[in-house]
ModelCIF file with pLDDT and N, C-alpha, C, O atoms, coordinates in Angstrom:
data_MODEL
#
_entry.id   MODEL 
#
_entity.id                         1 
_entity.type                       polymer 
_entity.pdbx_number_of_molecules   1 
#
_entity_poly.entity_id                      1 
_entity_poly.type                           'polypeptide(L)' 
_entity_poly.nstd_linkage                   no 
_entity_poly.nstd_monomer                   no 
_entity_poly.pdbx_seq_one_letter_code       VRNASARQLRAGTIRTVGAIVLDIANPFFTEVARGIEDRLAPTSTP 
_entity_poly.pdbx_seq_one_letter_code_can   VRNASARQLRAGTIRTVGAIVLDIANPFFTEVARGIEDRLAPTSTP 
_entity_poly.pdbx_strand_id                 A 
#
loop_
_entity_poly_seq.entity_id 
_entity_poly_seq.num 
_entity_poly_seq.mon_id 
_entity_poly_seq.hetero 
1 1  VAL n 
1 2  ARG n 
1 3  ASN n 
1 4  ALA n 
1 5  SER n 
1 6  ALA n 
1 7  ARG n 
1 8  GLN n 
1 9  LEU n 
1 10 ARG n 
1 11 ALA n 
1 12 GLY n 
1 13 THR n 
1 14 ILE n 
1 15 ARG n 
1 16 THR n 
1 17 VAL n 
1 18 GLY n 
1 19 ALA n 
1 20 ILE n 
1 21 VAL n 
1 22 LEU n 
1 23 ASP n 
1 24 ILE n 
1 25 ALA n 
1 26 ASN n 
1 27 PRO n 
1 28 PHE n 
1 29 PHE n 
1 30 THR n 
1 31 GLU n 
1 32 VAL n 
1 33 ALA n 
1 34 ARG n 
1 35 GLY n 
1 36 ILE n 
1 37 GLU n 
1 38 ASP n 
1 39 ARG n 
1 40 LEU n 
1 41 ALA n 
1 42 PRO n 
1 43 THR n 
1 44 SER n 
1 45 THR n 
1 46 PRO n 
#
_struct_asym.id          A 
_struct_asym.entity_id   1 
#
loop_
_ma_qa_metric.id 
_ma_qa_metric.mode 
_ma_qa_metric.name 
_ma_qa_metric.software_group_id 
_ma_qa_metric.type 
1 global pLDDT . pLDDT 
2 local  pLDDT . pLDDT 
#
_ma_qa_metric_global.metric_id      1 
_ma_qa_metric_global.metric_value   81.65 
_ma_qa_metric_global.model_id       1 
_ma_qa_metric_global.ordinal_id     1 
#
loop_
_ma_qa_metric_local.label_asym_id 
_ma_qa_metric_local.label_comp_id 
_ma_qa_metric_local.label_seq_id 
_ma_qa_metric_local.metric_id 
_ma_qa_metric_local.metric_value 
_ma_qa_metric_local.model_id 
_ma_qa_metric_local.ordinal_id 
A VAL 1  2 88.00 1 1  
A ARG 2  2 84.00 1 2  
A ASN 3  2 79.00 1 3  
A ALA 4  2 75.00 1 4  
A SER 5  2 73.00 1 5  
A ALA 6  2 74.00 1 6  
A ARG 7  2 74.00 1 7  
A GLN 8  2 74.00 1 8  
A LEU 9  2 74.00 1 9  
A ARG 10 2 72.00 1 10 
A ALA 11 2 75.00 1 11 
A GLY 12 2 76.00 1 12 
A THR 13 2 75.00 1 13 
A ILE 14 2 74.00 1 14 
A ARG 15 2 74.00 1 15 
A THR 16 2 79.00 1 16 
A VAL 17 2 85.00 1 17 
A GLY 18 2 87.00 1 18 
A ALA 19 2 89.00 1 19 
A ILE 20 2 90.00 1 20 
A VAL 21 2 86.00 1 21 
A LEU 22 2 88.00 1 22 
A ASP 23 2 88.00 1 23 
A ILE 24 2 83.00 1 24 
A ALA 25 2 89.00 1 25 
A ASN 26 2 92.00 1 26 
A PRO 27 2 92.00 1 27 
A PHE 28 2 93.00 1 28 
A PHE 29 2 91.00 1 29 
A THR 30 2 90.00 1 30 
A GLU 31 2 92.00 1 31 
A VAL 32 2 91.00 1 32 
A ALA 33 2 89.00 1 33 
A ARG 34 2 91.00 1 34 
A GLY 35 2 92.00 1 35 
A ILE 36 2 90.00 1 36 
A GLU 37 2 89.00 1 37 
A ASP 38 2 90.00 1 38 
A ARG 39 2 89.00 1 39 
A LEU 40 2 87.00 1 40 
A ALA 41 2 83.00 1 41 
A PRO 42 2 77.00 1 42 
A THR 43 2 70.00 1 43 
A SER 44 2 51.00 1 44 
A THR 45 2 56.00 1 45 
A PRO 46 2 56.00 1 46 
#
loop_
_atom_site.group_PDB 
_atom_site.id 
_atom_site.type_symbol 
_atom_site.label_atom_id 
_atom_site.label_alt_id 
_atom_site.label_comp_id 
_atom_site.label_asym_id 
_atom_site.label_entity_id 
_atom_site.label_seq_id 
_atom_site.pdbx_PDB_ins_code 
_atom_site.Cartn_x 
_atom_site.Cartn_y 
_atom_site.Cartn_z 
_atom_site.occupancy 
_atom_site.B_iso_or_equiv 
_atom_site.pdbx_formal_charge 
_atom_site.auth_seq_id 
_atom_site.auth_comp_id 
_atom_site.auth_asym_id 
_atom_site.auth_atom_id 
_atom_site.pdbx_PDB_model_num 
ATOM 1   N N  . VAL A 1 1  ? 93.822  -103.352 0.918   1.00 88.00 ? 1  VAL A N  1 
ATOM 2   C CA . VAL A 1 1  ? 94.846  -102.929 -0.157  1.00 88.00 ? 1  VAL A CA 1 
ATOM 3   C C  . VAL A 1 1  ? 95.953  -103.894 -0.182  1.00 88.00 ? 1  VAL A C  1 
ATOM 4   O O  . VAL A 1 1  ? 96.416  -104.303 0.883   1.00 88.00 ? 1  VAL A O  1 
ATOM 5   N N  . ARG A 1 2  ? 96.417  -104.295 -1.323  1.00 84.00 ? 2  ARG A N  1 
ATOM 6   C CA . ARG A 1 2  ? 97.479  -105.377 -1.395  1.00 84.00 ? 2  ARG A CA 1 
ATOM 7   C C  . ARG A 1 2  ? 98.797  -104.717 -0.775  1.00 84.00 ? 2  ARG A C  1 
ATOM 8   O O  . ARG A 1 2  ? 99.045  -103.535 -1.011  1.00 84.00 ? 2  ARG A O  1 
ATOM 9   N N  . ASN A 1 3  ? 99.547  -105.414 -0.065  1.00 79.00 ? 3  ASN A N  1 
ATOM 10  C CA . ASN A 1 3  ? 100.801 -105.057 0.424   1.00 79.00 ? 3  ASN A CA 1 
ATOM 11  C C  . ASN A 1 3  ? 101.780 -105.600 -0.480  1.00 79.00 ? 3  ASN A C  1 
ATOM 12  O O  . ASN A 1 3  ? 101.923 -106.811 -0.643  1.00 79.00 ? 3  ASN A O  1 
ATOM 13  N N  . ALA A 1 4  ? 102.592 -104.544 -1.188  1.00 75.00 ? 4  ALA A N  1 
ATOM 14  C CA . ALA A 1 4  ? 103.412 -105.017 -2.264  1.00 75.00 ? 4  ALA A CA 1 
ATOM 15  C C  . ALA A 1 4  ? 104.670 -105.655 -1.437  1.00 75.00 ? 4  ALA A C  1 
ATOM 16  O O  . ALA A 1 4  ? 105.178 -106.709 -1.821  1.00 75.00 ? 4  ALA A O  1 
ATOM 17  N N  . SER A 1 5  ? 105.104 -105.021 -0.383  1.00 73.00 ? 5  SER A N  1 
ATOM 18  C CA . SER A 1 5  ? 106.124 -105.831 0.155   1.00 73.00 ? 5  SER A CA 1 
ATOM 19  C C  . SER A 1 5  ? 105.911 -107.323 0.544   1.00 73.00 ? 5  SER A C  1 
ATOM 20  O O  . SER A 1 5  ? 106.754 -108.190 0.314   1.00 73.00 ? 5  SER A O  1 
ATOM 21  N N  . ALA A 1 6  ? 104.780 -107.540 1.119   1.00 74.00 ? 6  ALA A N  1 
ATOM 22  C CA . ALA A 1 6  ? 104.464 -108.894 1.511   1.00 74.00 ? 6  ALA A CA 1 
ATOM 23  C C  . ALA A 1 6  ? 104.491 -109.887 0.103   1.00 74.00 ? 6  ALA A C  1 
ATOM 24  O O  . ALA A 1 6  ? 105.006 -111.000 -0.001  1.00 74.00 ? 6  ALA A O  1 
ATOM 25  N N  . ARG A 1 7  ? 103.788 -109.128 -0.895  1.00 74.00 ? 7  ARG A N  1 
ATOM 26  C CA . ARG A 1 7  ? 103.769 -109.953 -2.324  1.00 74.00 ? 7  ARG A CA 1 
ATOM 27  C C  . ARG A 1 7  ? 105.081 -110.351 -2.606  1.00 74.00 ? 7  ARG A C  1 
ATOM 28  O O  . ARG A 1 7  ? 105.302 -111.551 -2.771  1.00 74.00 ? 7  ARG A O  1 
ATOM 29  N N  . GLN A 1 8  ? 106.158 -109.377 -2.703  1.00 74.00 ? 8  GLN A N  1 
ATOM 30  C CA . GLN A 1 8  ? 107.464 -109.654 -3.181  1.00 74.00 ? 8  GLN A CA 1 
ATOM 31  C C  . GLN A 1 8  ? 108.057 -110.591 -2.144  1.00 74.00 ? 8  GLN A C  1 
ATOM 32  O O  . GLN A 1 8  ? 108.750 -111.512 -2.575  1.00 74.00 ? 8  GLN A O  1 
ATOM 33  N N  . LEU A 1 9  ? 107.899 -110.493 -0.993  1.00 74.00 ? 9  LEU A N  1 
ATOM 34  C CA . LEU A 1 9  ? 108.699 -111.598 -0.095  1.00 74.00 ? 9  LEU A CA 1 
ATOM 35  C C  . LEU A 1 9  ? 108.095 -113.052 -0.290  1.00 74.00 ? 9  LEU A C  1 
ATOM 36  O O  . LEU A 1 9  ? 108.836 -114.035 -0.261  1.00 74.00 ? 9  LEU A O  1 
ATOM 37  N N  . ARG A 1 10 ? 106.654 -113.164 -0.502  1.00 72.00 ? 10 ARG A N  1 
ATOM 38  C CA . ARG A 1 10 ? 106.001 -114.487 -0.831  1.00 72.00 ? 10 ARG A CA 1 
ATOM 39  C C  . ARG A 1 10 ? 106.559 -114.929 -1.971  1.00 72.00 ? 10 ARG A C  1 
ATOM 40  O O  . ARG A 1 10 ? 106.837 -116.124 -2.063  1.00 72.00 ? 10 ARG A O  1 
ATOM 41  N N  . ALA A 1 11 ? 106.797 -114.109 -2.949  1.00 75.00 ? 11 ALA A N  1 
ATOM 42  C CA . ALA A 1 11 ? 107.146 -114.687 -4.391  1.00 75.00 ? 11 ALA A CA 1 
ATOM 43  C C  . ALA A 1 11 ? 108.692 -114.794 -4.427  1.00 75.00 ? 11 ALA A C  1 
ATOM 44  O O  . ALA A 1 11 ? 109.207 -115.372 -5.384  1.00 75.00 ? 11 ALA A O  1 
ATOM 45  N N  . GLY A 1 12 ? 109.429 -114.295 -3.487  1.00 76.00 ? 12 GLY A N  1 
ATOM 46  C CA . GLY A 1 12 ? 110.779 -114.560 -3.342  1.00 76.00 ? 12 GLY A CA 1 
ATOM 47  C C  . GLY A 1 12 ? 111.553 -113.443 -4.369  1.00 76.00 ? 12 GLY A C  1 
ATOM 48  O O  . GLY A 1 12 ? 112.745 -113.563 -4.651  1.00 76.00 ? 12 GLY A O  1 
ATOM 49  N N  . THR A 1 13 ? 110.915 -112.618 -4.756  1.00 75.00 ? 13 THR A N  1 
ATOM 50  C CA . THR A 1 13 ? 111.596 -111.289 -5.531  1.00 75.00 ? 13 THR A CA 1 
ATOM 51  C C  . THR A 1 13 ? 111.295 -110.056 -4.766  1.00 75.00 ? 13 THR A C  1 
ATOM 52  O O  . THR A 1 13 ? 110.164 -109.733 -4.402  1.00 75.00 ? 13 THR A O  1 
ATOM 53  N N  . ILE A 1 14 ? 112.421 -109.364 -4.539  1.00 74.00 ? 14 ILE A N  1 
ATOM 54  C CA . ILE A 1 14 ? 112.200 -108.111 -3.752  1.00 74.00 ? 14 ILE A CA 1 
ATOM 55  C C  . ILE A 1 14 ? 112.854 -107.103 -4.643  1.00 74.00 ? 14 ILE A C  1 
ATOM 56  O O  . ILE A 1 14 ? 113.963 -107.262 -5.153  1.00 74.00 ? 14 ILE A O  1 
ATOM 57  N N  . ARG A 1 15 ? 112.012 -105.947 -4.809  1.00 74.00 ? 15 ARG A N  1 
ATOM 58  C CA . ARG A 1 15 ? 112.561 -104.940 -5.646  1.00 74.00 ? 15 ARG A CA 1 
ATOM 59  C C  . ARG A 1 15 ? 113.144 -103.586 -5.013  1.00 74.00 ? 15 ARG A C  1 
ATOM 60  O O  . ARG A 1 15 ? 113.125 -102.456 -5.502  1.00 74.00 ? 15 ARG A O  1 
ATOM 61  N N  . THR A 1 16 ? 113.688 -104.037 -3.741  1.00 79.00 ? 16 THR A N  1 
ATOM 62  C CA . THR A 1 16 ? 113.945 -102.784 -2.905  1.00 79.00 ? 16 THR A CA 1 
ATOM 63  C C  . THR A 1 16 ? 115.392 -102.962 -2.644  1.00 79.00 ? 16 THR A C  1 
ATOM 64  O O  . THR A 1 16 ? 115.808 -104.068 -2.296  1.00 79.00 ? 16 THR A O  1 
ATOM 65  N N  . VAL A 1 17 ? 116.206 -101.928 -2.790  1.00 85.00 ? 17 VAL A N  1 
ATOM 66  C CA . VAL A 1 17 ? 117.716 -101.839 -2.495  1.00 85.00 ? 17 VAL A CA 1 
ATOM 67  C C  . VAL A 1 17 ? 118.109 -100.749 -1.439  1.00 85.00 ? 17 VAL A C  1 
ATOM 68  O O  . VAL A 1 17 ? 117.806 -99.574  -1.645  1.00 85.00 ? 17 VAL A O  1 
ATOM 69  N N  . GLY A 1 18 ? 118.671 -101.070 -0.495  1.00 87.00 ? 18 GLY A N  1 
ATOM 70  C CA . GLY A 1 18 ? 119.125 -100.176 0.523   1.00 87.00 ? 18 GLY A CA 1 
ATOM 71  C C  . GLY A 1 18 ? 120.627 -99.868  0.295   1.00 87.00 ? 18 GLY A C  1 
ATOM 72  O O  . GLY A 1 18 ? 121.392 -100.650 -0.268  1.00 87.00 ? 18 GLY A O  1 
ATOM 73  N N  . ALA A 1 19 ? 120.976 -98.664  0.782   1.00 89.00 ? 19 ALA A N  1 
ATOM 74  C CA . ALA A 1 19 ? 122.348 -98.120  0.796   1.00 89.00 ? 19 ALA A CA 1 
ATOM 75  C C  . ALA A 1 19 ? 122.566 -97.353  2.045   1.00 89.00 ? 19 ALA A C  1 
ATOM 76  O O  . ALA A 1 19 ? 121.797 -96.437  2.339   1.00 89.00 ? 19 ALA A O  1 
ATOM 77  N N  . ILE A 1 20 ? 123.539 -97.663  2.773   1.00 90.00 ? 20 ILE A N  1 
ATOM 78  C CA . ILE A 1 20 ? 124.000 -96.902  3.897   1.00 90.00 ? 20 ILE A CA 1 
ATOM 79  C C  . ILE A 1 20 ? 125.227 -96.106  3.520   1.00 90.00 ? 20 ILE A C  1 
ATOM 80  O O  . ILE A 1 20 ? 126.221 -96.627  3.014   1.00 90.00 ? 20 ILE A O  1 
ATOM 81  N N  . VAL A 1 21 ? 125.100 -94.709  3.812   1.00 86.00 ? 21 VAL A N  1 
ATOM 82  C CA . VAL A 1 21 ? 126.082 -93.796  3.568   1.00 86.00 ? 21 VAL A CA 1 
ATOM 83  C C  . VAL A 1 21 ? 126.448 -93.079  4.844   1.00 86.00 ? 21 VAL A C  1 
ATOM 84  O O  . VAL A 1 21 ? 125.648 -93.025  5.778   1.00 86.00 ? 21 VAL A O  1 
ATOM 85  N N  . LEU A 1 22 ? 127.511 -92.589  4.892   1.00 88.00 ? 22 LEU A N  1 
ATOM 86  C CA . LEU A 1 22 ? 128.100 -92.020  6.171   1.00 88.00 ? 22 LEU A CA 1 
ATOM 87  C C  . LEU A 1 22 ? 127.495 -90.656  6.089   1.00 88.00 ? 22 LEU A C  1 
ATOM 88  O O  . LEU A 1 22 ? 127.220 -90.231  7.211   1.00 88.00 ? 22 LEU A O  1 
ATOM 89  N N  . ASP A 1 23 ? 127.165 -89.737  5.000   1.00 88.00 ? 23 ASP A N  1 
ATOM 90  C CA . ASP A 1 23 ? 126.907 -88.376  5.286   1.00 88.00 ? 23 ASP A CA 1 
ATOM 91  C C  . ASP A 1 23 ? 126.330 -88.066  4.004   1.00 88.00 ? 23 ASP A C  1 
ATOM 92  O O  . ASP A 1 23 ? 127.013 -87.782  3.020   1.00 88.00 ? 23 ASP A O  1 
ATOM 93  N N  . ILE A 1 24 ? 124.821 -88.129  4.016   1.00 83.00 ? 24 ILE A N  1 
ATOM 94  C CA . ILE A 1 24 ? 124.028 -87.816  2.739   1.00 83.00 ? 24 ILE A CA 1 
ATOM 95  C C  . ILE A 1 24 ? 124.279 -86.342  2.333   1.00 83.00 ? 24 ILE A C  1 
ATOM 96  O O  . ILE A 1 24 ? 124.233 -86.050  1.138   1.00 83.00 ? 24 ILE A O  1 
ATOM 97  N N  . ALA A 1 25 ? 124.564 -85.322  3.344   1.00 89.00 ? 25 ALA A N  1 
ATOM 98  C CA . ALA A 1 25 ? 124.904 -84.139  2.945   1.00 89.00 ? 25 ALA A CA 1 
ATOM 99  C C  . ALA A 1 25 ? 126.171 -83.948  2.025   1.00 89.00 ? 25 ALA A C  1 
ATOM 100 O O  . ALA A 1 25 ? 126.160 -83.049  1.184   1.00 89.00 ? 25 ALA A O  1 
ATOM 101 N N  . ASN A 1 26 ? 127.192 -84.723  2.160   1.00 92.00 ? 26 ASN A N  1 
ATOM 102 C CA . ASN A 1 26 ? 128.370 -85.055  1.528   1.00 92.00 ? 26 ASN A CA 1 
ATOM 103 C C  . ASN A 1 26 ? 127.965 -85.161  -0.011  1.00 92.00 ? 26 ASN A C  1 
ATOM 104 O O  . ASN A 1 26 ? 127.163 -86.034  -0.341  1.00 92.00 ? 26 ASN A O  1 
ATOM 105 N N  . PRO A 1 27 ? 128.489 -84.312  -0.937  1.00 92.00 ? 27 PRO A N  1 
ATOM 106 C CA . PRO A 1 27 ? 128.102 -84.459  -2.344  1.00 92.00 ? 27 PRO A CA 1 
ATOM 107 C C  . PRO A 1 27 ? 128.646 -85.825  -2.779  1.00 92.00 ? 27 PRO A C  1 
ATOM 108 O O  . PRO A 1 27 ? 127.967 -86.526  -3.529  1.00 92.00 ? 27 PRO A O  1 
ATOM 109 N N  . PHE A 1 28 ? 129.863 -86.235  -2.330  1.00 93.00 ? 28 PHE A N  1 
ATOM 110 C CA . PHE A 1 28 ? 130.146 -87.511  -2.908  1.00 93.00 ? 28 PHE A CA 1 
ATOM 111 C C  . PHE A 1 28 ? 129.246 -88.663  -2.651  1.00 93.00 ? 28 PHE A C  1 
ATOM 112 O O  . PHE A 1 28 ? 129.092 -89.479  -3.559  1.00 93.00 ? 28 PHE A O  1 
ATOM 113 N N  . PHE A 1 29 ? 128.653 -88.819  -1.552  1.00 91.00 ? 29 PHE A N  1 
ATOM 114 C CA . PHE A 1 29 ? 127.680 -89.861  -1.119  1.00 91.00 ? 29 PHE A CA 1 
ATOM 115 C C  . PHE A 1 29 ? 126.351 -89.581  -1.890  1.00 91.00 ? 29 PHE A C  1 
ATOM 116 O O  . PHE A 1 29 ? 125.639 -90.518  -2.252  1.00 91.00 ? 29 PHE A O  1 
ATOM 117 N N  . THR A 1 30 ? 125.991 -88.136  -2.163  1.00 90.00 ? 30 THR A N  1 
ATOM 118 C CA . THR A 1 30 ? 124.772 -87.880  -2.870  1.00 90.00 ? 30 THR A CA 1 
ATOM 119 C C  . THR A 1 30 ? 124.960 -88.513  -4.287  1.00 90.00 ? 30 THR A C  1 
ATOM 120 O O  . THR A 1 30 ? 124.028 -89.113  -4.822  1.00 90.00 ? 30 THR A O  1 
ATOM 121 N N  . GLU A 1 31 ? 126.223 -88.366  -4.907  1.00 92.00 ? 31 GLU A N  1 
ATOM 122 C CA . GLU A 1 31 ? 126.381 -88.799  -6.290  1.00 92.00 ? 31 GLU A CA 1 
ATOM 123 C C  . GLU A 1 31 ? 126.438 -90.307  -6.078  1.00 92.00 ? 31 GLU A C  1 
ATOM 124 O O  . GLU A 1 31 ? 125.864 -90.971  -6.941  1.00 92.00 ? 31 GLU A O  1 
ATOM 125 N N  . VAL A 1 32 ? 126.902 -90.823  -5.296  1.00 91.00 ? 32 VAL A N  1 
ATOM 126 C CA . VAL A 1 32 ? 127.047 -92.473  -5.185  1.00 91.00 ? 32 VAL A CA 1 
ATOM 127 C C  . VAL A 1 32 ? 125.473 -92.891  -4.931  1.00 91.00 ? 32 VAL A C  1 
ATOM 128 O O  . VAL A 1 32 ? 125.183 -93.972  -5.444  1.00 91.00 ? 32 VAL A O  1 
ATOM 129 N N  . ALA A 1 33 ? 124.420 -92.233  -4.240  1.00 89.00 ? 33 ALA A N  1 
ATOM 130 C CA . ALA A 1 33 ? 123.153 -92.594  -4.133  1.00 89.00 ? 33 ALA A CA 1 
ATOM 131 C C  . ALA A 1 33 ? 122.433 -92.522  -5.456  1.00 89.00 ? 33 ALA A C  1 
ATOM 132 O O  . ALA A 1 33 ? 121.670 -93.401  -5.857  1.00 89.00 ? 33 ALA A O  1 
ATOM 133 N N  . ARG A 1 34 ? 122.777 -91.232  -6.213  1.00 91.00 ? 34 ARG A N  1 
ATOM 134 C CA . ARG A 1 34 ? 122.253 -90.928  -7.463  1.00 91.00 ? 34 ARG A CA 1 
ATOM 135 C C  . ARG A 1 34 ? 122.529 -92.020  -8.568  1.00 91.00 ? 34 ARG A C  1 
ATOM 136 O O  . ARG A 1 34 ? 121.693 -92.413  -9.382  1.00 91.00 ? 34 ARG A O  1 
ATOM 137 N N  . GLY A 1 35 ? 123.828 -92.444  -8.468  1.00 92.00 ? 35 GLY A N  1 
ATOM 138 C CA . GLY A 1 35 ? 124.317 -93.495  -9.442  1.00 92.00 ? 35 GLY A CA 1 
ATOM 139 C C  . GLY A 1 35 ? 123.763 -94.768  -9.150  1.00 92.00 ? 35 GLY A C  1 
ATOM 140 O O  . GLY A 1 35 ? 123.481 -95.527  -10.078 1.00 92.00 ? 35 GLY A O  1 
ATOM 141 N N  . ILE A 1 36 ? 123.576 -95.084  -7.988  1.00 90.00 ? 36 ILE A N  1 
ATOM 142 C CA . ILE A 1 36 ? 122.756 -96.576  -7.817  1.00 90.00 ? 36 ILE A CA 1 
ATOM 143 C C  . ILE A 1 36 ? 121.203 -96.347  -8.187  1.00 90.00 ? 36 ILE A C  1 
ATOM 144 O O  . ILE A 1 36 ? 120.508 -97.231  -8.688  1.00 90.00 ? 36 ILE A O  1 
ATOM 145 N N  . GLU A 1 37 ? 120.752 -95.069  -7.884  1.00 89.00 ? 37 GLU A N  1 
ATOM 146 C CA . GLU A 1 37 ? 119.323 -95.052  -8.429  1.00 89.00 ? 37 GLU A CA 1 
ATOM 147 C C  . GLU A 1 37 ? 119.233 -94.929  -9.796  1.00 89.00 ? 37 GLU A C  1 
ATOM 148 O O  . GLU A 1 37 ? 118.223 -95.408  -10.313 1.00 89.00 ? 37 GLU A O  1 
ATOM 149 N N  . ASP A 1 38 ? 120.088 -94.374  -10.541 1.00 90.00 ? 38 ASP A N  1 
ATOM 150 C CA . ASP A 1 38 ? 120.236 -94.292  -12.049 1.00 90.00 ? 38 ASP A CA 1 
ATOM 151 C C  . ASP A 1 38 ? 120.333 -95.424  -12.634 1.00 90.00 ? 38 ASP A C  1 
ATOM 152 O O  . ASP A 1 38 ? 119.732 -95.659  -13.682 1.00 90.00 ? 38 ASP A O  1 
ATOM 153 N N  . ARG A 1 39 ? 121.206 -96.396  -11.959 1.00 89.00 ? 39 ARG A N  1 
ATOM 154 C CA . ARG A 1 39 ? 121.763 -97.848  -12.650 1.00 89.00 ? 39 ARG A CA 1 
ATOM 155 C C  . ARG A 1 39 ? 120.607 -98.845  -12.464 1.00 89.00 ? 39 ARG A C  1 
ATOM 156 O O  . ARG A 1 39 ? 120.414 -99.707  -13.321 1.00 89.00 ? 39 ARG A O  1 
ATOM 157 N N  . LEU A 1 40 ? 119.785 -98.748  -11.302 1.00 87.00 ? 40 LEU A N  1 
ATOM 158 C CA . LEU A 1 40 ? 118.697 -99.563  -11.165 1.00 87.00 ? 40 LEU A CA 1 
ATOM 159 C C  . LEU A 1 40 ? 117.258 -99.074  -11.610 1.00 87.00 ? 40 LEU A C  1 
ATOM 160 O O  . LEU A 1 40 ? 116.258 -99.780  -11.479 1.00 87.00 ? 40 LEU A O  1 
ATOM 161 N N  . ALA A 1 41 ? 117.248 -97.826  -12.137 1.00 83.00 ? 41 ALA A N  1 
ATOM 162 C CA . ALA A 1 41 ? 115.988 -97.650  -12.577 1.00 83.00 ? 41 ALA A CA 1 
ATOM 163 C C  . ALA A 1 41 ? 115.549 -98.297  -13.947 1.00 83.00 ? 41 ALA A C  1 
ATOM 164 O O  . ALA A 1 41 ? 116.340 -98.443  -14.879 1.00 83.00 ? 41 ALA A O  1 
ATOM 165 N N  . PRO A 1 42 ? 114.332 -98.642  -13.990 1.00 77.00 ? 42 PRO A N  1 
ATOM 166 C CA . PRO A 1 42 ? 113.872 -99.599  -15.212 1.00 77.00 ? 42 PRO A CA 1 
ATOM 167 C C  . PRO A 1 42 ? 114.373 -99.259  -16.505 1.00 77.00 ? 42 PRO A C  1 
ATOM 168 O O  . PRO A 1 42 ? 114.591 -100.163 -17.311 1.00 77.00 ? 42 PRO A O  1 
ATOM 169 N N  . THR A 1 43 ? 114.610 -97.907  -16.839 1.00 70.00 ? 43 THR A N  1 
ATOM 170 C CA . THR A 1 43 ? 114.861 -97.548  -18.203 1.00 70.00 ? 43 THR A CA 1 
ATOM 171 C C  . THR A 1 43 ? 116.566 -97.601  -18.319 1.00 70.00 ? 43 THR A C  1 
ATOM 172 O O  . THR A 1 43 ? 117.046 -97.449  -19.443 1.00 70.00 ? 43 THR A O  1 
ATOM 173 N N  . SER A 1 44 ? 117.399 -97.796  -17.260 1.00 51.00 ? 44 SER A N  1 
ATOM 174 C CA . SER A 1 44 ? 118.714 -97.747  -17.488 1.00 51.00 ? 44 SER A CA 1 
ATOM 175 C C  . SER A 1 44 ? 119.328 -98.856  -18.286 1.00 51.00 ? 44 SER A C  1 
ATOM 176 O O  . SER A 1 44 ? 118.940 -100.024 -18.283 1.00 51.00 ? 44 SER A O  1 
ATOM 177 N N  . THR A 1 45 ? 120.273 -98.391  -18.932 1.00 56.00 ? 45 THR A N  1 
ATOM 178 C CA . THR A 1 45 ? 120.999 -99.437  -19.693 1.00 56.00 ? 45 THR A CA 1 
ATOM 179 C C  . THR A 1 45 ? 122.487 -99.686  -19.161 1.00 56.00 ? 45 THR A C  1 
ATOM 180 O O  . THR A 1 45 ? 123.134 -98.820  -18.572 1.00 56.00 ? 45 THR A O  1 
ATOM 181 N N  . PRO A 1 46 ? 122.886 -100.796 -19.403 1.00 56.00 ? 46 PRO A N  1 
ATOM 182 C CA . PRO A 1 46 ? 124.377 -101.258 -18.904 1.00 56.00 ? 46 PRO A CA 1 
ATOM 183 C C  . PRO A 1 46 ? 125.426 -100.215 -19.408 1.00 56.00 ? 46 PRO A C  1 
ATOM 184 O O  . PRO A 1 46 ? 126.619 -100.365 -19.147 1.00 56.00 ? 46 PRO A O  1 
#
């Protein structure tokens, strides 16, 4: 099975984003994470 992560590293393009939040149970950070996800979704518009 192709390893997508290995292919992306080899190609020099990575389609993974990480976010470190203090407390995911805190609604503020949940909204921040949701905003990041929505903004980076393929169908999002600037």
